[in-house]
Amino acid sequence: MPPTNNGVELDTVHDAYQSLYNALTSAYWAASTIENKDQIHGVMDVVFDVITELNRESLEADSDEFKTLATNLKNANDQLTSLKAQINQLVAAVKIATQVASAIDEAMSLAAKYFGL
């Protein structure tokens, strides 16, 4: 059974960040300028790193790895909050911008519950 914390499974957190990464990929291709693409790609790299860390089999509550990941998630979520505030200016496609904003909310909410952020 996957690890659970505060009623949330680690796999659920992982899947939310994977969905976010997929939404960011769509946003990257829908971005109108190279600068906008670069900004989105930078956040994609951060989310990819989070997904990689969430793939660890040995992640246990209160371990050093858990605490490090919680810190990395907080930093990633700060960048996601900033991106969410700008996504409508970066991507002209309203549907894609809405998907990204929704995916950010979902991932951050689940991470907050699981990691106590």
N, C-alpha and C. Protein backbone atom coordinates (compact mmCIF):
# COMPACT_ATOMS: atom_id res chain seq x y z
N MET A 1 0.85 -1.18 0.00
CA MET A 1 0.00 0.00 0.00
C MET A 1 0.89 1.24 0.00
N PRO A 2 0.58 2.23 -0.82
CA PRO A 2 1.40 3.45 -0.89
C PRO A 2 1.36 4.22 0.42
N PRO A 3 2.44 4.93 0.74
CA PRO A 3 2.46 5.73 1.97
C PRO A 3 1.34 6.78 1.96
N THR A 4 0.73 6.95 3.14
CA THR A 4 -0.34 7.93 3.30
C THR A 4 0.04 8.88 4.43
N ASN A 5 -0.31 10.13 4.27
CA ASN A 5 -0.08 11.13 5.31
C ASN A 5 -1.23 12.12 5.26
N ASN A 6 -1.87 12.35 6.38
CA ASN A 6 -3.01 13.26 6.47
C ASN A 6 -4.11 12.90 5.48
N GLY A 7 -4.31 11.59 5.26
CA GLY A 7 -5.37 11.13 4.39
C GLY A 7 -5.08 11.22 2.90
N VAL A 8 -3.85 11.57 2.54
CA VAL A 8 -3.46 11.70 1.13
C VAL A 8 -2.36 10.68 0.84
N GLU A 9 -2.50 9.95 -0.26
CA GLU A 9 -1.45 9.00 -0.66
C GLU A 9 -0.36 9.71 -1.44
N LEU A 10 0.85 9.26 -1.24
CA LEU A 10 2.00 9.84 -1.96
C LEU A 10 1.80 9.71 -3.47
N ASP A 11 1.23 8.60 -3.92
CA ASP A 11 0.98 8.42 -5.35
C ASP A 11 0.05 9.49 -5.90
N THR A 12 -0.90 9.94 -5.09
CA THR A 12 -1.84 10.98 -5.51
C THR A 12 -1.11 12.31 -5.69
N VAL A 13 -0.18 12.60 -4.78
CA VAL A 13 0.63 13.81 -4.91
C VAL A 13 1.47 13.73 -6.18
N HIS A 14 2.10 12.58 -6.39
CA HIS A 14 2.91 12.36 -7.59
C HIS A 14 2.07 12.58 -8.85
N ASP A 15 0.89 11.97 -8.89
CA ASP A 15 0.04 12.08 -10.08
C ASP A 15 -0.39 13.52 -10.35
N ALA A 16 -0.61 14.28 -9.28
CA ALA A 16 -1.00 15.69 -9.44
C ALA A 16 0.14 16.50 -10.05
N TYR A 17 1.36 16.24 -9.60
CA TYR A 17 2.51 16.96 -10.18
C TYR A 17 2.78 16.49 -11.61
N GLN A 18 2.52 15.22 -11.90
CA GLN A 18 2.67 14.75 -13.28
C GLN A 18 1.64 15.42 -14.18
N SER A 19 0.40 15.54 -13.72
CA SER A 19 -0.64 16.23 -14.49
C SER A 19 -0.27 17.70 -14.70
N LEU A 20 0.30 18.30 -13.67
CA LEU A 20 0.76 19.68 -13.78
C LEU A 20 1.86 19.78 -14.84
N TYR A 21 2.80 18.86 -14.81
CA TYR A 21 3.88 18.87 -15.80
C TYR A 21 3.31 18.76 -17.21
N ASN A 22 2.33 17.89 -17.38
CA ASN A 22 1.70 17.74 -18.69
C ASN A 22 1.00 19.03 -19.13
N ALA A 23 0.32 19.69 -18.19
CA ALA A 23 -0.35 20.96 -18.50
C ALA A 23 0.68 22.03 -18.86
N LEU A 24 1.80 22.04 -18.14
CA LEU A 24 2.86 23.01 -18.44
C LEU A 24 3.46 22.75 -19.82
N THR A 25 3.55 21.49 -20.22
CA THR A 25 4.05 21.16 -21.55
C THR A 25 3.13 21.76 -22.62
N SER A 26 1.83 21.64 -22.42
CA SER A 26 0.87 22.25 -23.35
C SER A 26 1.02 23.76 -23.36
N ALA A 27 1.21 24.34 -22.17
CA ALA A 27 1.38 25.79 -22.07
C ALA A 27 2.65 26.24 -22.78
N TYR A 28 3.70 25.46 -22.65
CA TYR A 28 4.95 25.78 -23.32
C TYR A 28 4.73 25.91 -24.83
N TRP A 29 4.04 24.95 -25.42
CA TRP A 29 3.82 24.98 -26.86
C TRP A 29 2.83 26.06 -27.27
N ALA A 30 1.98 26.49 -26.34
CA ALA A 30 0.99 27.53 -26.65
C ALA A 30 1.50 28.94 -26.35
N ALA A 31 2.65 29.03 -25.68
CA ALA A 31 3.20 30.35 -25.34
C ALA A 31 3.57 31.10 -26.61
N SER A 32 3.38 32.41 -26.56
CA SER A 32 3.50 33.22 -27.77
C SER A 32 4.91 33.73 -28.05
N THR A 33 5.78 33.78 -27.04
CA THR A 33 7.13 34.30 -27.28
C THR A 33 8.16 33.35 -26.69
N ILE A 34 9.38 33.50 -27.15
CA ILE A 34 10.49 32.70 -26.62
C ILE A 34 10.68 32.98 -25.13
N GLU A 35 10.54 34.22 -24.72
CA GLU A 35 10.69 34.57 -23.30
C GLU A 35 9.64 33.86 -22.46
N ASN A 36 8.40 33.83 -22.94
CA ASN A 36 7.34 33.13 -22.22
C ASN A 36 7.61 31.63 -22.15
N LYS A 37 8.07 31.08 -23.27
CA LYS A 37 8.42 29.66 -23.30
C LYS A 37 9.53 29.37 -22.30
N ASP A 38 10.55 30.25 -22.24
CA ASP A 38 11.66 30.07 -21.30
C ASP A 38 11.16 30.08 -19.85
N GLN A 39 10.26 30.99 -19.56
CA GLN A 39 9.74 31.09 -18.20
C GLN A 39 8.97 29.81 -17.82
N ILE A 40 8.14 29.35 -18.72
CA ILE A 40 7.38 28.12 -18.47
C ILE A 40 8.32 26.93 -18.36
N HIS A 41 9.31 26.87 -19.25
CA HIS A 41 10.25 25.75 -19.22
C HIS A 41 11.02 25.71 -17.90
N GLY A 42 11.38 26.85 -17.36
CA GLY A 42 12.07 26.90 -16.07
C GLY A 42 11.24 26.26 -14.97
N VAL A 43 9.95 26.53 -14.97
CA VAL A 43 9.06 25.94 -13.97
C VAL A 43 8.87 24.45 -14.27
N MET A 44 8.84 24.08 -15.53
CA MET A 44 8.74 22.66 -15.89
C MET A 44 9.92 21.88 -15.31
N ASP A 45 11.12 22.46 -15.37
CA ASP A 45 12.30 21.81 -14.81
C ASP A 45 12.15 21.57 -13.31
N VAL A 46 11.62 22.58 -12.61
CA VAL A 46 11.42 22.46 -11.16
C VAL A 46 10.39 21.36 -10.86
N VAL A 47 9.31 21.33 -11.60
CA VAL A 47 8.27 20.32 -11.40
C VAL A 47 8.82 18.93 -11.73
N PHE A 48 9.62 18.82 -12.76
CA PHE A 48 10.24 17.54 -13.11
C PHE A 48 11.11 17.03 -11.96
N ASP A 49 11.87 17.93 -11.35
CA ASP A 49 12.71 17.55 -10.20
C ASP A 49 11.85 17.05 -9.04
N VAL A 50 10.72 17.70 -8.80
CA VAL A 50 9.81 17.27 -7.74
C VAL A 50 9.29 15.87 -8.06
N ILE A 51 8.88 15.65 -9.29
CA ILE A 51 8.37 14.33 -9.69
C ILE A 51 9.44 13.26 -9.47
N THR A 52 10.66 13.57 -9.83
CA THR A 52 11.77 12.63 -9.65
C THR A 52 11.93 12.28 -8.17
N GLU A 53 11.87 13.28 -7.31
CA GLU A 53 12.00 13.03 -5.87
C GLU A 53 10.81 12.25 -5.33
N LEU A 54 9.63 12.50 -5.86
CA LEU A 54 8.44 11.77 -5.42
C LEU A 54 8.48 10.31 -5.84
N ASN A 55 9.31 9.98 -6.81
CA ASN A 55 9.44 8.59 -7.28
C ASN A 55 10.26 7.72 -6.34
N ARG A 56 10.91 8.31 -5.37
CA ARG A 56 11.75 7.53 -4.45
C ARG A 56 10.89 6.54 -3.67
N GLU A 57 11.37 5.34 -3.59
CA GLU A 57 10.65 4.29 -2.86
C GLU A 57 10.77 4.46 -1.35
N SER A 58 11.84 5.05 -0.87
CA SER A 58 12.14 5.05 0.56
C SER A 58 11.66 6.31 1.29
N LEU A 59 10.75 7.04 0.73
CA LEU A 59 10.30 8.28 1.35
C LEU A 59 9.39 7.98 2.54
N GLU A 60 9.88 8.29 3.75
CA GLU A 60 9.10 8.07 4.96
C GLU A 60 8.98 9.39 5.72
N ALA A 61 7.83 9.56 6.37
CA ALA A 61 7.58 10.79 7.13
C ALA A 61 8.69 10.98 8.17
N ASP A 62 9.09 12.21 8.35
CA ASP A 62 10.11 12.63 9.31
C ASP A 62 11.52 12.17 8.98
N SER A 63 11.72 11.54 7.80
CA SER A 63 13.08 11.21 7.39
C SER A 63 13.74 12.46 6.82
N ASP A 64 15.06 12.41 6.68
CA ASP A 64 15.77 13.55 6.09
C ASP A 64 15.31 13.79 4.65
N GLU A 65 15.07 12.69 3.90
CA GLU A 65 14.60 12.83 2.52
C GLU A 65 13.23 13.52 2.48
N PHE A 66 12.37 13.16 3.41
CA PHE A 66 11.03 13.75 3.49
C PHE A 66 11.14 15.25 3.76
N LYS A 67 11.98 15.62 4.71
CA LYS A 67 12.15 17.03 5.06
C LYS A 67 12.76 17.82 3.90
N THR A 68 13.72 17.22 3.21
CA THR A 68 14.33 17.88 2.05
C THR A 68 13.30 18.08 0.95
N LEU A 69 12.50 17.04 0.69
CA LEU A 69 11.48 17.15 -0.34
C LEU A 69 10.44 18.20 0.04
N ALA A 70 10.07 18.26 1.30
CA ALA A 70 9.10 19.27 1.75
C ALA A 70 9.64 20.67 1.49
N THR A 71 10.92 20.88 1.76
CA THR A 71 11.55 22.19 1.49
C THR A 71 11.57 22.48 0.00
N ASN A 72 11.94 21.47 -0.80
CA ASN A 72 11.97 21.65 -2.26
C ASN A 72 10.57 21.93 -2.81
N LEU A 73 9.56 21.27 -2.23
CA LEU A 73 8.18 21.51 -2.67
C LEU A 73 7.75 22.93 -2.33
N LYS A 74 8.14 23.41 -1.17
CA LYS A 74 7.78 24.79 -0.80
C LYS A 74 8.37 25.76 -1.81
N ASN A 75 9.64 25.56 -2.16
CA ASN A 75 10.29 26.43 -3.15
C ASN A 75 9.62 26.31 -4.52
N ALA A 76 9.30 25.09 -4.92
CA ALA A 76 8.62 24.87 -6.20
C ALA A 76 7.25 25.54 -6.19
N ASN A 77 6.54 25.39 -5.10
CA ASN A 77 5.20 25.98 -5.01
C ASN A 77 5.24 27.50 -5.03
N ASP A 78 6.30 28.10 -4.51
CA ASP A 78 6.45 29.55 -4.62
C ASP A 78 6.56 29.96 -6.09
N GLN A 79 7.33 29.20 -6.86
CA GLN A 79 7.46 29.48 -8.29
C GLN A 79 6.15 29.23 -9.03
N LEU A 80 5.42 28.19 -8.61
CA LEU A 80 4.13 27.89 -9.23
C LEU A 80 3.11 28.98 -8.94
N THR A 81 3.13 29.53 -7.74
CA THR A 81 2.22 30.62 -7.39
C THR A 81 2.49 31.83 -8.28
N SER A 82 3.76 32.12 -8.49
CA SER A 82 4.14 33.23 -9.37
C SER A 82 3.69 32.97 -10.80
N LEU A 83 3.92 31.75 -11.29
CA LEU A 83 3.52 31.41 -12.65
C LEU A 83 2.01 31.49 -12.81
N LYS A 84 1.28 31.02 -11.81
CA LYS A 84 -0.18 31.05 -11.89
C LYS A 84 -0.69 32.48 -12.05
N ALA A 85 -0.06 33.42 -11.36
CA ALA A 85 -0.47 34.82 -11.45
C ALA A 85 -0.21 35.40 -12.85
N GLN A 86 0.72 34.80 -13.60
CA GLN A 86 1.10 35.33 -14.90
C GLN A 86 0.62 34.51 -16.08
N ILE A 87 0.04 33.34 -15.83
CA ILE A 87 -0.21 32.39 -16.91
C ILE A 87 -1.10 32.96 -18.02
N ASN A 88 -2.05 33.80 -17.68
CA ASN A 88 -2.92 34.37 -18.71
C ASN A 88 -2.16 35.31 -19.65
N GLN A 89 -1.09 35.91 -19.17
CA GLN A 89 -0.27 36.77 -20.03
C GLN A 89 0.73 35.96 -20.84
N LEU A 90 1.10 34.78 -20.34
CA LEU A 90 2.10 33.96 -21.03
C LEU A 90 1.50 33.11 -22.13
N VAL A 91 0.24 32.70 -21.94
CA VAL A 91 -0.42 31.80 -22.87
C VAL A 91 -1.74 32.42 -23.31
N ALA A 92 -1.90 32.61 -24.60
CA ALA A 92 -3.12 33.25 -25.11
C ALA A 92 -4.31 32.29 -25.09
N ALA A 93 -4.07 30.99 -25.13
CA ALA A 93 -5.16 30.00 -25.15
C ALA A 93 -5.77 29.89 -23.75
N VAL A 94 -6.97 30.39 -23.61
CA VAL A 94 -7.63 30.45 -22.31
C VAL A 94 -7.79 29.06 -21.71
N LYS A 95 -8.16 28.09 -22.52
CA LYS A 95 -8.36 26.73 -22.02
C LYS A 95 -7.08 26.17 -21.41
N ILE A 96 -5.97 26.37 -22.07
CA ILE A 96 -4.68 25.87 -21.56
C ILE A 96 -4.28 26.61 -20.30
N ALA A 97 -4.44 27.92 -20.28
CA ALA A 97 -4.11 28.71 -19.09
C ALA A 97 -4.95 28.25 -17.90
N THR A 98 -6.22 27.97 -18.15
CA THR A 98 -7.11 27.50 -17.09
C THR A 98 -6.68 26.12 -16.60
N GLN A 99 -6.28 25.25 -17.50
CA GLN A 99 -5.81 23.92 -17.11
C GLN A 99 -4.56 24.01 -16.25
N VAL A 100 -3.65 24.89 -16.61
CA VAL A 100 -2.43 25.06 -15.83
C VAL A 100 -2.77 25.58 -14.44
N ALA A 101 -3.61 26.60 -14.35
CA ALA A 101 -3.98 27.17 -13.06
C ALA A 101 -4.66 26.13 -12.18
N SER A 102 -5.53 25.34 -12.75
CA SER A 102 -6.22 24.29 -12.01
C SER A 102 -5.25 23.21 -11.55
N ALA A 103 -4.33 22.82 -12.41
CA ALA A 103 -3.34 21.80 -12.06
C ALA A 103 -2.41 22.30 -10.96
N ILE A 104 -2.06 23.58 -11.00
CA ILE A 104 -1.23 24.17 -9.94
C ILE A 104 -1.98 24.09 -8.61
N ASP A 105 -3.24 24.49 -8.61
CA ASP A 105 -4.03 24.45 -7.37
C ASP A 105 -4.11 23.04 -6.81
N GLU A 106 -4.37 22.07 -7.67
CA GLU A 106 -4.51 20.67 -7.23
C GLU A 106 -3.20 20.14 -6.64
N ALA A 107 -2.10 20.34 -7.35
CA ALA A 107 -0.81 19.84 -6.89
C ALA A 107 -0.40 20.50 -5.57
N MET A 108 -0.57 21.80 -5.49
CA MET A 108 -0.18 22.51 -4.27
C MET A 108 -1.06 22.11 -3.09
N SER A 109 -2.33 21.91 -3.32
CA SER A 109 -3.25 21.50 -2.26
C SER A 109 -2.88 20.12 -1.71
N LEU A 110 -2.62 19.17 -2.60
CA LEU A 110 -2.27 17.83 -2.16
C LEU A 110 -0.91 17.81 -1.46
N ALA A 111 0.05 18.57 -1.98
CA ALA A 111 1.36 18.64 -1.34
C ALA A 111 1.25 19.26 0.05
N ALA A 112 0.41 20.26 0.19
CA ALA A 112 0.21 20.91 1.48
C ALA A 112 -0.35 19.91 2.50
N LYS A 113 -1.29 19.11 2.07
CA LYS A 113 -1.88 18.11 2.97
C LYS A 113 -0.86 17.03 3.33
N TYR A 114 -0.17 16.50 2.34
CA TYR A 114 0.73 15.38 2.57
C TYR A 114 1.97 15.81 3.36
N PHE A 115 2.54 16.96 2.98
CA PHE A 115 3.81 17.40 3.59
C PHE A 115 3.62 18.43 4.68
N GLY A 116 2.38 18.85 4.94
CA GLY A 116 2.15 19.84 5.99
C GLY A 116 2.73 21.21 5.67
N LEU A 117 2.66 21.59 4.42
CA LEU A 117 3.23 22.89 4.00
C LEU A 117 2.31 24.03 4.33
